[in-house]
Amino acid sequence: MQLLIYRLAYPIILGISKLPWRLFYAFSSCIYILTYYIIRYRRKVVTDNLTLVFPEKSKEEIKRIRRGFYKHMCDMFLEMTRSLSISKEELIKRYKVVNLDEFHEFERKNKTIITMMGHYGSFEWSNAVDLVSLNPCVGIYKKIANKYFDQLAHRIRGRFDSRLLESSKVARQIIKDKQENKVCGYGMISDQSPKINNAKYWTDFMGIKVPIFLGGEFLAQRLDTIVLYLHVEKVKRGFYEVRFIPITENSKEEEKYFVVKKYLELLENQIREKPEYYLWTHKRWKHRNIPIPEGAVVD
């Protein structure tokens, strides 16, 4: 069944990826109308999340943000399909690193770099960084249940010879790369909600006390890496400007949880400024009302 679904969907995905840009975004607008008004995909989840973190906003403001989010979400996921056919030059132009010289200075320090990002802006085009970096960049991703779509996502995200690494293999591979004297940069989305049995650290995210994913912090401190935050700004439809913001150059010297707290602060600032570009369909605050496990750190 998985193969049948894939074979039916792939020609459509490929055809969409080759549409002229104007038609491509016109199609995205049609998908938005279908998703928002007819299918109403996860509208309750989105509304609940927005109401939870923005209690000061009126219903009309929440609706405005919600509509903006769905328009952006449709654009972003269609842009993932565009990666099947987009050229290097076009991708670099549309996902522009505005402080590239500064990023190169970090790369020249001959240290592993971990770049932490959120489900904000266009995380699907972040592999464009590998096209302008001095050192190899490795994208960390979560495996998709349908193995054929997982292979497709791997192919899309791994175009232009970019390396991809499954999230369950991150620690072993980074340690191996260091042992082999490979200086690489690793990009990871770090705002996921951890499984409750791994909920070792709880702090405020958008004003709500929740468990926090510690993978990036753990690796950074164990391996003494440079840690950067990827600030993504949507300039207009189909165009993004990204900036690398330093969190620390010496992870081992930082206090415990400094890295993750600084990361959350930077991400929150972006969300509060332009909330429509965050991925509100995820149940990020689902653990807020459960008892905090014994032994967990609460900050």
C-alpha atoms as a PDB file:
ATOM      1  CA  MET A   1       0.000   0.000   0.000  1.00  0.00           C
ATOM      2  CA  GLN A   2       2.851   2.397   0.834  1.00  0.00           C
ATOM      3  CA  LEU A   3       4.393   1.809  -2.594  1.00  0.00           C
ATOM      4  CA  LEU A   4       1.033   2.320  -4.343  1.00  0.00           C
ATOM      5  CA  ILE A   5       0.447   5.639  -2.562  1.00  0.00           C
ATOM      6  CA  TYR A   6       3.963   6.760  -3.436  1.00  0.00           C
ATOM      7  CA  ARG A   7       3.624   5.807  -7.131  1.00  0.00           C
ATOM      8  CA  LEU A   8       0.343   7.684  -7.385  1.00  0.00           C
ATOM      9  CA  ALA A   9       1.660  10.781  -5.616  1.00  0.00           C
ATOM     10  CA  TYR A  10       5.156  11.102  -7.076  1.00  0.00           C
ATOM     11  CA  PRO A  11       4.200  12.191 -10.645  1.00  0.00           C
ATOM     12  CA  ILE A  12       1.949  14.881  -9.150  1.00  0.00           C
ATOM     13  CA  ILE A  13       4.711  16.099  -6.819  1.00  0.00           C
ATOM     14  CA  LEU A  14       7.225  16.188  -9.665  1.00  0.00           C
ATOM     15  CA  GLY A  15       4.789  18.067 -11.917  1.00  0.00           C
ATOM     16  CA  ILE A  16       4.130  20.676  -9.221  1.00  0.00           C
ATOM     17  CA  SER A  17       7.871  21.165  -8.708  1.00  0.00           C
ATOM     18  CA  LYS A  18       8.310  22.204 -12.338  1.00  0.00           C
ATOM     19  CA  LEU A  19       5.527  24.782 -12.550  1.00  0.00           C
ATOM     20  CA  PRO A  20       6.548  28.368 -13.365  1.00  0.00           C
ATOM     21  CA  TRP A  21       6.859  30.329 -10.131  1.00  0.00           C
ATOM     22  CA  ARG A  22       3.692  32.381 -10.686  1.00  0.00           C
ATOM     23  CA  LEU A  23       1.611  29.257 -11.301  1.00  0.00           C
ATOM     24  CA  PHE A  24       3.400  27.476  -8.467  1.00  0.00           C
ATOM     25  CA  TYR A  25       2.253  30.050  -5.914  1.00  0.00           C
ATOM     26  CA  ALA A  26      -1.187  30.321  -7.493  1.00  0.00           C
ATOM     27  CA  PHE A  27      -1.489  26.580  -6.918  1.00  0.00           C
ATOM     28  CA  SER A  28      -0.332  27.109  -3.313  1.00  0.00           C
ATOM     29  CA  SER A  29      -3.129  29.647  -2.853  1.00  0.00           C
ATOM     30  CA  CYS A  30      -5.641  27.057  -4.051  1.00  0.00           C
ATOM     31  CA  ILE A  31      -4.211  24.500  -1.618  1.00  0.00           C
ATOM     32  CA  TYR A  32      -4.560  27.091   1.152  1.00  0.00           C
ATOM     33  CA  ILE A  33      -8.279  27.577   0.410  1.00  0.00           C
ATOM     34  CA  LEU A  34      -8.804  23.810   0.370  1.00  0.00           C
ATOM     35  CA  THR A  35      -6.765  23.201   3.546  1.00  0.00           C
ATOM     36  CA  TYR A  36      -8.082  26.123   5.585  1.00  0.00           C
ATOM     37  CA  TYR A  37     -11.725  26.475   4.587  1.00  0.00           C
ATOM     38  CA  ILE A  38     -12.762  23.003   3.425  1.00  0.00           C
ATOM     39  CA  ILE A  39     -10.545  20.324   5.014  1.00  0.00           C
ATOM     40  CA  ARG A  40      -9.888  22.588   8.032  1.00  0.00           C
ATOM     41  CA  TYR A  41      -6.652  20.706   8.667  1.00  0.00           C
ATOM     42  CA  ARG A  42      -5.814  20.844  12.402  1.00  0.00           C
ATOM     43  CA  ARG A  43      -7.588  24.169  12.797  1.00  0.00           C
ATOM     44  CA  LYS A  44      -8.562  23.376  16.388  1.00  0.00           C
ATOM     45  CA  VAL A  45      -4.949  22.519  17.288  1.00  0.00           C
ATOM     46  CA  VAL A  46      -3.703  25.739  15.685  1.00  0.00           C
ATOM     47  CA  THR A  47      -6.394  27.861  17.361  1.00  0.00           C
ATOM     48  CA  ASP A  48      -5.763  26.260  20.763  1.00  0.00           C
ATOM     49  CA  ASN A  49      -1.997  26.806  20.459  1.00  0.00           C
ATOM     50  CA  LEU A  50      -2.356  30.443  19.433  1.00  0.00           C
ATOM     51  CA  THR A  51      -4.908  31.176  22.153  1.00  0.00           C
ATOM     52  CA  LEU A  52      -2.702  29.489  24.738  1.00  0.00           C
ATOM     53  CA  VAL A  53       0.489  31.447  24.017  1.00  0.00           C
ATOM     54  CA  PHE A  54      -1.178  34.757  23.103  1.00  0.00           C
ATOM     55  CA  PRO A  55      -3.871  35.196  25.780  1.00  0.00           C
ATOM     56  CA  GLU A  56      -3.662  38.980  25.334  1.00  0.00           C
ATOM     57  CA  LYS A  57      -4.732  38.863  21.673  1.00  0.00           C
ATOM     58  CA  SER A  58      -8.332  39.257  20.529  1.00  0.00           C
ATOM     59  CA  LYS A  59     -10.205  36.596  18.564  1.00  0.00           C
ATOM     60  CA  GLU A  60      -9.811  38.675  15.414  1.00  0.00           C
ATOM     61  CA  GLU A  61      -6.030  38.890  15.904  1.00  0.00           C
ATOM     62  CA  ILE A  62      -5.865  35.126  16.450  1.00  0.00           C
ATOM     63  CA  LYS A  63      -7.839  34.540  13.247  1.00  0.00           C
ATOM     64  CA  ARG A  64      -5.545  36.883  11.295  1.00  0.00           C
ATOM     65  CA  ILE A  65      -2.428  35.053  12.522  1.00  0.00           C
ATOM     66  CA  ARG A  66      -4.087  31.710  11.824  1.00  0.00           C
ATOM     67  CA  ARG A  67      -4.895  32.618   8.224  1.00  0.00           C
ATOM     68  CA  GLY A  68      -1.379  33.941   7.687  1.00  0.00           C
ATOM     69  CA  PHE A  69       0.071  30.747   9.111  1.00  0.00           C
ATOM     70  CA  TYR A  70      -1.933  28.476   6.794  1.00  0.00           C
ATOM     71  CA  LYS A  71      -0.918  30.520   3.752  1.00  0.00           C
ATOM     72  CA  HIS A  72       2.729  30.266   4.776  1.00  0.00           C
ATOM     73  CA  MET A  73       2.471  26.563   5.630  1.00  0.00           C
ATOM     74  CA  CYS A  74       1.125  25.730   2.175  1.00  0.00           C
ATOM     75  CA  ASP A  75       3.891  27.762   0.534  1.00  0.00           C
ATOM     76  CA  MET A  76       6.585  26.127   2.649  1.00  0.00           C
ATOM     77  CA  PHE A  77       5.605  22.521   2.061  1.00  0.00           C
ATOM     78  CA  LEU A  78       5.135  23.111  -1.643  1.00  0.00           C
ATOM     79  CA  GLU A  79       8.596  24.702  -1.650  1.00  0.00           C
ATOM     80  CA  MET A  80       9.884  21.374  -0.387  1.00  0.00           C
ATOM     81  CA  THR A  81       8.589  19.749  -3.579  1.00  0.00           C
ATOM     82  CA  ARG A  82      10.234  22.549  -5.578  1.00  0.00           C
ATOM     83  CA  SER A  83      13.559  21.269  -4.279  1.00  0.00           C
ATOM     84  CA  LEU A  84      13.216  18.372  -6.735  1.00  0.00           C
ATOM     85  CA  SER A  85      13.916  20.669  -9.671  1.00  0.00           C
ATOM     86  CA  ILE A  86      15.280  23.983  -8.374  1.00  0.00           C
ATOM     87  CA  SER A  87      18.800  24.940  -9.472  1.00  0.00           C
ATOM     88  CA  LYS A  88      21.648  25.740  -7.088  1.00  0.00           C
ATOM     89  CA  GLU A  89      21.720  29.343  -8.241  1.00  0.00           C
ATOM     90  CA  GLU A  90      17.994  29.807  -7.725  1.00  0.00           C
ATOM     91  CA  LEU A  91      18.058  28.220  -4.274  1.00  0.00           C
ATOM     92  CA  ILE A  92      20.959  30.418  -3.114  1.00  0.00           C
ATOM     93  CA  LYS A  93      19.124  33.508  -4.401  1.00  0.00           C
ATOM     94  CA  ARG A  94      15.876  32.598  -2.664  1.00  0.00           C
ATOM     95  CA  TYR A  95      17.442  31.433   0.619  1.00  0.00           C
ATOM     96  CA  LYS A  96      20.109  34.066   1.110  1.00  0.00           C
ATOM     97  CA  VAL A  97      22.664  34.020   3.941  1.00  0.00           C
ATOM     98  CA  VAL A  98      23.063  37.707   4.733  1.00  0.00           C
ATOM     99  CA  ASN A  99      26.081  37.399   7.065  1.00  0.00           C
ATOM    100  CA  LEU A 100      28.031  34.814   5.085  1.00  0.00           C
ATOM    101  CA  ASP A 101      31.445  36.335   5.899  1.00  0.00           C
ATOM    102  CA  GLU A 102      30.718  36.050   9.613  1.00  0.00           C
ATOM    103  CA  PHE A 103      29.618  32.440   9.176  1.00  0.00           C
ATOM    104  CA  HIS A 104      32.839  31.675   7.304  1.00  0.00           C
ATOM    105  CA  GLU A 105      34.836  33.129  10.214  1.00  0.00           C
ATOM    106  CA  PHE A 106      33.210  30.591  12.525  1.00  0.00           C
ATOM    107  CA  GLU A 107      33.986  27.811  10.043  1.00  0.00           C
ATOM    108  CA  ARG A 108      37.681  28.813   9.933  1.00  0.00           C
ATOM    109  CA  LYS A 109      38.024  28.176  13.681  1.00  0.00           C
ATOM    110  CA  ASN A 110      38.400  24.460  12.871  1.00  0.00           C
ATOM    111  CA  LYS A 111      35.686  23.440  15.347  1.00  0.00           C
ATOM    112  CA  THR A 112      32.479  21.496  14.947  1.00  0.00           C
ATOM    113  CA  ILE A 113      29.475  23.797  14.545  1.00  0.00           C
ATOM    114  CA  ILE A 114      25.966  22.939  15.694  1.00  0.00           C
ATOM    115  CA  THR A 115      23.296  25.210  14.249  1.00  0.00           C
ATOM    116  CA  MET A 116      20.024  25.116  16.153  1.00  0.00           C
ATOM    117  CA  MET A 117      16.858  26.184  14.393  1.00  0.00           C
ATOM    118  CA  GLY A 118      13.123  26.060  14.968  1.00  0.00           C
ATOM    119  CA  HIS A 119      10.072  25.145  12.931  1.00  0.00           C
ATOM    120  CA  TYR A 120      10.082  28.717  11.731  1.00  0.00           C
ATOM    121  CA  GLY A 121      10.240  30.298   8.286  1.00  0.00           C
ATOM    122  CA  SER A 122      11.499  27.837   5.717  1.00  0.00           C
ATOM    123  CA  PHE A 123      13.371  25.020   7.408  1.00  0.00           C
ATOM    124  CA  GLU A 124      12.871  22.895   4.274  1.00  0.00           C
ATOM    125  CA  TRP A 125      15.304  25.042   2.242  1.00  0.00           C
ATOM    126  CA  SER A 126      17.990  25.207   4.927  1.00  0.00           C
ATOM    127  CA  ASN A 127      20.167  22.801   2.902  1.00  0.00           C
ATOM    128  CA  ALA A 128      20.985  25.890   0.799  1.00  0.00           C
ATOM    129  CA  VAL A 129      23.566  26.729   3.473  1.00  0.00           C
ATOM    130  CA  ASP A 130      25.659  23.781   2.320  1.00  0.00           C
ATOM    131  CA  LEU A 131      25.973  25.414  -1.107  1.00  0.00           C
ATOM    132  CA  VAL A 132      27.775  28.463   0.302  1.00  0.00           C
ATOM    133  CA  SER A 133      29.652  26.986   3.280  1.00  0.00           C
ATOM    134  CA  LEU A 134      33.391  26.274   3.474  1.00  0.00           C
ATOM    135  CA  ASN A 135      32.977  23.029   5.426  1.00  0.00           C
ATOM    136  CA  PRO A 136      30.510  20.194   4.806  1.00  0.00           C
ATOM    137  CA  CYS A 137      27.087  20.775   6.360  1.00  0.00           C
ATOM    138  CA  VAL A 138      24.978  17.889   7.619  1.00  0.00           C
ATOM    139  CA  GLY A 139      21.204  18.097   7.932  1.00  0.00           C
ATOM    140  CA  ILE A 140      19.583  16.112  10.742  1.00  0.00           C
ATOM    141  CA  TYR A 141      16.110  14.774   9.994  1.00  0.00           C
ATOM    142  CA  LYS A 142      13.413  12.566  11.482  1.00  0.00           C
ATOM    143  CA  LYS A 143      12.526   9.422   9.570  1.00  0.00           C
ATOM    144  CA  ILE A 144       9.102   9.313   7.849  1.00  0.00           C
ATOM    145  CA  ALA A 145       6.914   6.242   8.471  1.00  0.00           C
ATOM    146  CA  ASN A 146       6.292   5.579   4.750  1.00  0.00           C
ATOM    147  CA  LYS A 147       9.702   4.332   3.623  1.00  0.00           C
ATOM    148  CA  TYR A 148       9.169   5.462   0.015  1.00  0.00           C
ATOM    149  CA  PHE A 149       8.306   9.023   1.030  1.00  0.00           C
ATOM    150  CA  ASP A 150      11.219   8.874   3.472  1.00  0.00           C
ATOM    151  CA  GLN A 151      13.497   8.031   0.549  1.00  0.00           C
ATOM    152  CA  LEU A 152      11.975  10.904  -1.423  1.00  0.00           C
ATOM    153  CA  ALA A 153      12.443  13.351   1.461  1.00  0.00           C
ATOM    154  CA  HIS A 154      16.026  12.140   1.791  1.00  0.00           C
ATOM    155  CA  ARG A 155      16.539  12.679  -1.921  1.00  0.00           C
ATOM    156  CA  ILE A 156      14.975  16.160  -1.837  1.00  0.00           C
ATOM    157  CA  ARG A 157      16.849  17.332   1.245  1.00  0.00           C
ATOM    158  CA  GLY A 158      20.057  15.668   0.167  1.00  0.00           C
ATOM    159  CA  ARG A 159      20.309  17.213  -3.293  1.00  0.00           C
ATOM    160  CA  PHE A 160      23.548  18.829  -4.399  1.00  0.00           C
ATOM    161  CA  ASP A 161      25.503  16.140  -2.463  1.00  0.00           C
ATOM    162  CA  SER A 162      24.430  17.422   0.940  1.00  0.00           C
ATOM    163  CA  ARG A 163      24.740  14.887   3.757  1.00  0.00           C
ATOM    164  CA  LEU A 164      21.677  13.870   5.738  1.00  0.00           C
ATOM    165  CA  LEU A 165      21.723  12.111   9.076  1.00  0.00           C
ATOM    166  CA  GLU A 166      18.828  10.390  10.812  1.00  0.00           C
ATOM    167  CA  SER A 167      18.213  11.893  14.258  1.00  0.00           C
ATOM    168  CA  SER A 168      18.724   8.566  16.075  1.00  0.00           C
ATOM    169  CA  LYS A 169      22.284   8.338  14.714  1.00  0.00           C
ATOM    170  CA  VAL A 170      23.417  11.891  15.403  1.00  0.00           C
ATOM    171  CA  ALA A 171      25.625  11.424  18.462  1.00  0.00           C
ATOM    172  CA  ARG A 172      27.541   8.443  17.085  1.00  0.00           C
ATOM    173  CA  GLN A 173      28.145  10.113  13.724  1.00  0.00           C
ATOM    174  CA  ILE A 174      29.338  13.447  15.117  1.00  0.00           C
ATOM    175  CA  ILE A 175      31.762  11.637  17.435  1.00  0.00           C
ATOM    176  CA  LYS A 176      32.975   9.529  14.505  1.00  0.00           C
ATOM    177  CA  ASP A 177      33.464  12.627  12.332  1.00  0.00           C
ATOM    178  CA  LYS A 178      35.523  14.250  15.087  1.00  0.00           C
ATOM    179  CA  GLN A 179      37.659  11.132  15.504  1.00  0.00           C
ATOM    180  CA  GLU A 180      38.334  11.194  11.754  1.00  0.00           C
ATOM    181  CA  ASN A 181      39.239  14.916  11.953  1.00  0.00           C
ATOM    182  CA  LYS A 182      36.287  15.945   9.796  1.00  0.00           C
ATOM    183  CA  VAL A 183      35.225  19.502  10.539  1.00  0.00           C
ATOM    184  CA  CYS A 184      31.521  19.760   9.795  1.00  0.00           C
ATOM    185  CA  GLY A 185      28.479  21.831  10.590  1.00  0.00           C
ATOM    186  CA  TYR A 186      25.296  20.118  11.806  1.00  0.00           C
ATOM    187  CA  GLY A 187      21.862  21.675  11.511  1.00  0.00           C
ATOM    188  CA  MET A 188      19.125  20.496  13.849  1.00  0.00           C
ATOM    189  CA  ILE A 189      15.575  21.570  14.618  1.00  0.00           C
ATOM    190  CA  SER A 190      15.458  21.749  18.404  1.00  0.00           C
ATOM    191  CA  ASP A 191      11.935  22.824  19.376  1.00  0.00           C
ATOM    192  CA  GLN A 192      10.360  19.377  19.326  1.00  0.00           C
ATOM    193  CA  SER A 193       8.501  18.087  22.359  1.00  0.00           C
ATOM    194  CA  PRO A 194      10.489  15.199  23.901  1.00  0.00           C
ATOM    195  CA  LYS A 195       8.876  11.936  24.917  1.00  0.00           C
ATOM    196  CA  ILE A 196       7.735  12.154  28.499  1.00  0.00           C
ATOM    197  CA  ASN A 197      10.200   9.500  29.691  1.00  0.00           C
ATOM    198  CA  ASN A 198      12.988  11.751  28.345  1.00  0.00           C
ATOM    199  CA  ALA A 199      11.568  14.931  29.894  1.00  0.00           C
ATOM    200  CA  LYS A 200      14.554  15.782  32.087  1.00  0.00           C
ATOM    201  CA  TYR A 201      14.358  19.579  31.862  1.00  0.00           C
ATOM    202  CA  TRP A 202      11.285  21.822  32.062  1.00  0.00           C
ATOM    203  CA  THR A 203      11.231  25.555  31.444  1.00  0.00           C
ATOM    204  CA  ASP A 204       9.040  28.258  29.921  1.00  0.00           C
ATOM    205  CA  PHE A 205       8.525  28.270  26.174  1.00  0.00           C
ATOM    206  CA  MET A 206       6.242  31.095  25.058  1.00  0.00           C
ATOM    207  CA  GLY A 207       5.223  31.518  28.699  1.00  0.00           C
ATOM    208  CA  ILE A 208       4.177  27.879  29.192  1.00  0.00           C
ATOM    209  CA  LYS A 209       6.124  25.405  31.354  1.00  0.00           C
ATOM    210  CA  VAL A 210       6.947  22.394  29.169  1.00  0.00           C
ATOM    211  CA  PRO A 211       9.694  19.761  28.770  1.00  0.00           C
ATOM    212  CA  ILE A 212      12.513  20.829  26.459  1.00  0.00           C
ATOM    213  CA  PHE A 213      14.494  18.791  23.936  1.00  0.00           C
ATOM    214  CA  LEU A 214      18.135  18.740  25.099  1.00  0.00           C
ATOM    215  CA  GLY A 215      19.854  16.971  22.203  1.00  0.00           C
ATOM    216  CA  GLY A 216      21.586  20.076  20.848  1.00  0.00           C
ATOM    217  CA  GLU A 217      22.790  21.228  24.265  1.00  0.00           C
ATOM    218  CA  PHE A 218      24.000  17.740  25.237  1.00  0.00           C
ATOM    219  CA  LEU A 219      26.068  17.319  22.066  1.00  0.00           C
ATOM    220  CA  ALA A 220      27.410  20.865  22.190  1.00  0.00           C
ATOM    221  CA  GLN A 221      28.698  20.569  25.760  1.00  0.00           C
ATOM    222  CA  ARG A 222      30.009  17.042  25.366  1.00  0.00           C
ATOM    223  CA  LEU A 223      31.948  17.898  22.191  1.00  0.00           C
ATOM    224  CA  ASP A 224      32.714  21.566  22.986  1.00  0.00           C
ATOM    225  CA  THR A 225      31.250  22.877  19.741  1.00  0.00           C
ATOM    226  CA  ILE A 226      30.425  26.302  18.441  1.00  0.00           C
ATOM    227  CA  VAL A 227      26.653  26.791  18.642  1.00  0.00           C
ATOM    228  CA  LEU A 228      24.772  29.118  16.311  1.00  0.00           C
ATOM    229  CA  TYR A 229      21.121  30.008  15.899  1.00  0.00           C
ATOM    230  CA  LEU A 230      19.639  30.184  12.410  1.00  0.00           C
ATOM    231  CA  HIS A 231      17.461  33.294  12.238  1.00  0.00           C
ATOM    232  CA  VAL A 232      15.129  32.939   9.240  1.00  0.00           C
ATOM    233  CA  GLU A 233      13.151  35.892   7.925  1.00  0.00           C
ATOM    234  CA  LYS A 234      10.556  35.626   5.167  1.00  0.00           C
ATOM    235  CA  VAL A 235      11.137  38.684   2.986  1.00  0.00           C
ATOM    236  CA  LYS A 236       8.328  37.929   0.574  1.00  0.00           C
ATOM    237  CA  ARG A 237       6.717  34.906  -1.001  1.00  0.00           C
ATOM    238  CA  GLY A 238       9.454  32.470  -2.022  1.00  0.00           C
ATOM    239  CA  PHE A 239      12.338  34.577  -0.665  1.00  0.00           C
ATOM    240  CA  TYR A 240      14.072  34.234   2.692  1.00  0.00           C
ATOM    241  CA  GLU A 241      17.009  35.920   4.387  1.00  0.00           C
ATOM    242  CA  VAL A 242      18.898  33.946   7.018  1.00  0.00           C
ATOM    243  CA  ARG A 243      21.407  35.091   9.586  1.00  0.00           C
ATOM    244  CA  PHE A 244      23.658  33.047  11.854  1.00  0.00           C
ATOM    245  CA  ILE A 245      23.516  34.368  15.421  1.00  0.00           C
ATOM    246  CA  PRO A 246      26.186  33.079  17.836  1.00  0.00           C
ATOM    247  CA  ILE A 247      24.992  31.385  21.017  1.00  0.00           C
ATOM    248  CA  THR A 248      28.441  30.324  22.221  1.00  0.00           C
ATOM    249  CA  GLU A 249      31.887  29.563  20.828  1.00  0.00           C
ATOM    250  CA  ASN A 250      32.928  27.487  23.853  1.00  0.00           C
ATOM    251  CA  SER A 251      30.086  25.212  24.895  1.00  0.00           C
ATOM    252  CA  LYS A 252      32.032  23.414  27.645  1.00  0.00           C
ATOM    253  CA  GLU A 253      32.598  26.668  29.506  1.00  0.00           C
ATOM    254  CA  GLU A 254      28.910  27.545  29.666  1.00  0.00           C
ATOM    255  CA  GLU A 255      26.616  26.759  32.565  1.00  0.00           C
ATOM    256  CA  LYS A 256      24.283  23.828  32.130  1.00  0.00           C
ATOM    257  CA  TYR A 257      21.165  24.744  30.102  1.00  0.00           C
ATOM    258  CA  PHE A 258      22.674  28.039  28.925  1.00  0.00           C
ATOM    259  CA  VAL A 259      22.655  26.886  25.301  1.00  0.00           C
ATOM    260  CA  VAL A 260      19.047  25.706  25.256  1.00  0.00           C
ATOM    261  CA  LYS A 261      17.786  28.758  27.174  1.00  0.00           C
ATOM    262  CA  LYS A 262      19.503  31.156  24.791  1.00  0.00           C
ATOM    263  CA  TYR A 263      18.157  29.198  21.825  1.00  0.00           C
ATOM    264  CA  LEU A 264      14.601  29.388  23.190  1.00  0.00           C
ATOM    265  CA  GLU A 265      14.970  33.117  23.811  1.00  0.00           C
ATOM    266  CA  LEU A 266      16.030  33.756  20.204  1.00  0.00           C
ATOM    267  CA  LEU A 267      13.250  31.574  18.810  1.00  0.00           C
ATOM    268  CA  GLU A 268      10.613  33.175  21.028  1.00  0.00           C
ATOM    269  CA  ASN A 269      11.643  36.645  19.872  1.00  0.00           C
ATOM    270  CA  GLN A 270      11.042  35.610  16.268  1.00  0.00           C
ATOM    271  CA  ILE A 271       7.714  33.980  17.022  1.00  0.00           C
ATOM    272  CA  ARG A 272       6.407  36.980  18.924  1.00  0.00           C
ATOM    273  CA  GLU A 273       7.475  39.363  16.163  1.00  0.00           C
ATOM    274  CA  LYS A 274       5.894  37.421  13.283  1.00  0.00           C
ATOM    275  CA  PRO A 275       3.919  34.469  14.690  1.00  0.00           C
ATOM    276  CA  GLU A 276       2.384  33.443  11.352  1.00  0.00           C
ATOM    277  CA  TYR A 277       5.691  31.870  10.273  1.00  0.00           C
ATOM    278  CA  TYR A 278       5.865  29.325  13.117  1.00  0.00           C
ATOM    279  CA  LEU A 279       4.557  25.759  12.692  1.00  0.00           C
ATOM    280  CA  TRP A 280       1.436  25.872  14.886  1.00  0.00           C
ATOM    281  CA  THR A 281       0.033  22.493  13.783  1.00  0.00           C
ATOM    282  CA  HIS A 282       2.356  20.620  16.165  1.00  0.00           C
ATOM    283  CA  LYS A 283       1.120  19.857  19.677  1.00  0.00           C
ATOM    284  CA  ARG A 284       4.174  21.523  21.202  1.00  0.00           C
ATOM    285  CA  TRP A 285       2.526  22.229  24.567  1.00  0.00           C
ATOM    286  CA  LYS A 286       0.753  18.880  24.993  1.00  0.00           C
ATOM    287  CA  HIS A 287       2.606  17.979  28.230  1.00  0.00           C
ATOM    288  CA  ARG A 288       1.898  21.242  30.042  1.00  0.00           C
ATOM    289  CA  ASN A 289      -0.796  19.847  32.344  1.00  0.00           C
ATOM    290  CA  ILE A 290       0.772  16.538  33.337  1.00  0.00           C
ATOM    291  CA  PRO A 291       2.718  15.991  36.585  1.00  0.00           C
ATOM    292  CA  ILE A 292       6.395  16.761  36.174  1.00  0.00           C
ATOM    293  CA  PRO A 293       8.375  13.500  36.534  1.00  0.00           C
ATOM    294  CA  GLU A 294      10.351  13.007  39.729  1.00  0.00           C
ATOM    295  CA  GLY A 295      13.962  14.060  39.341  1.00  0.00           C
ATOM    296  CA  ALA A 296      13.335  16.433  36.443  1.00  0.00           C
ATOM    297  CA  VAL A 297      14.939  19.889  36.569  1.00  0.00           C
ATOM    298  CA  VAL A 298      12.402  22.723  36.622  1.00  0.00           C
ATOM    299  CA  ASP A 299      13.700  26.164  35.698  1.00  0.00           C
END
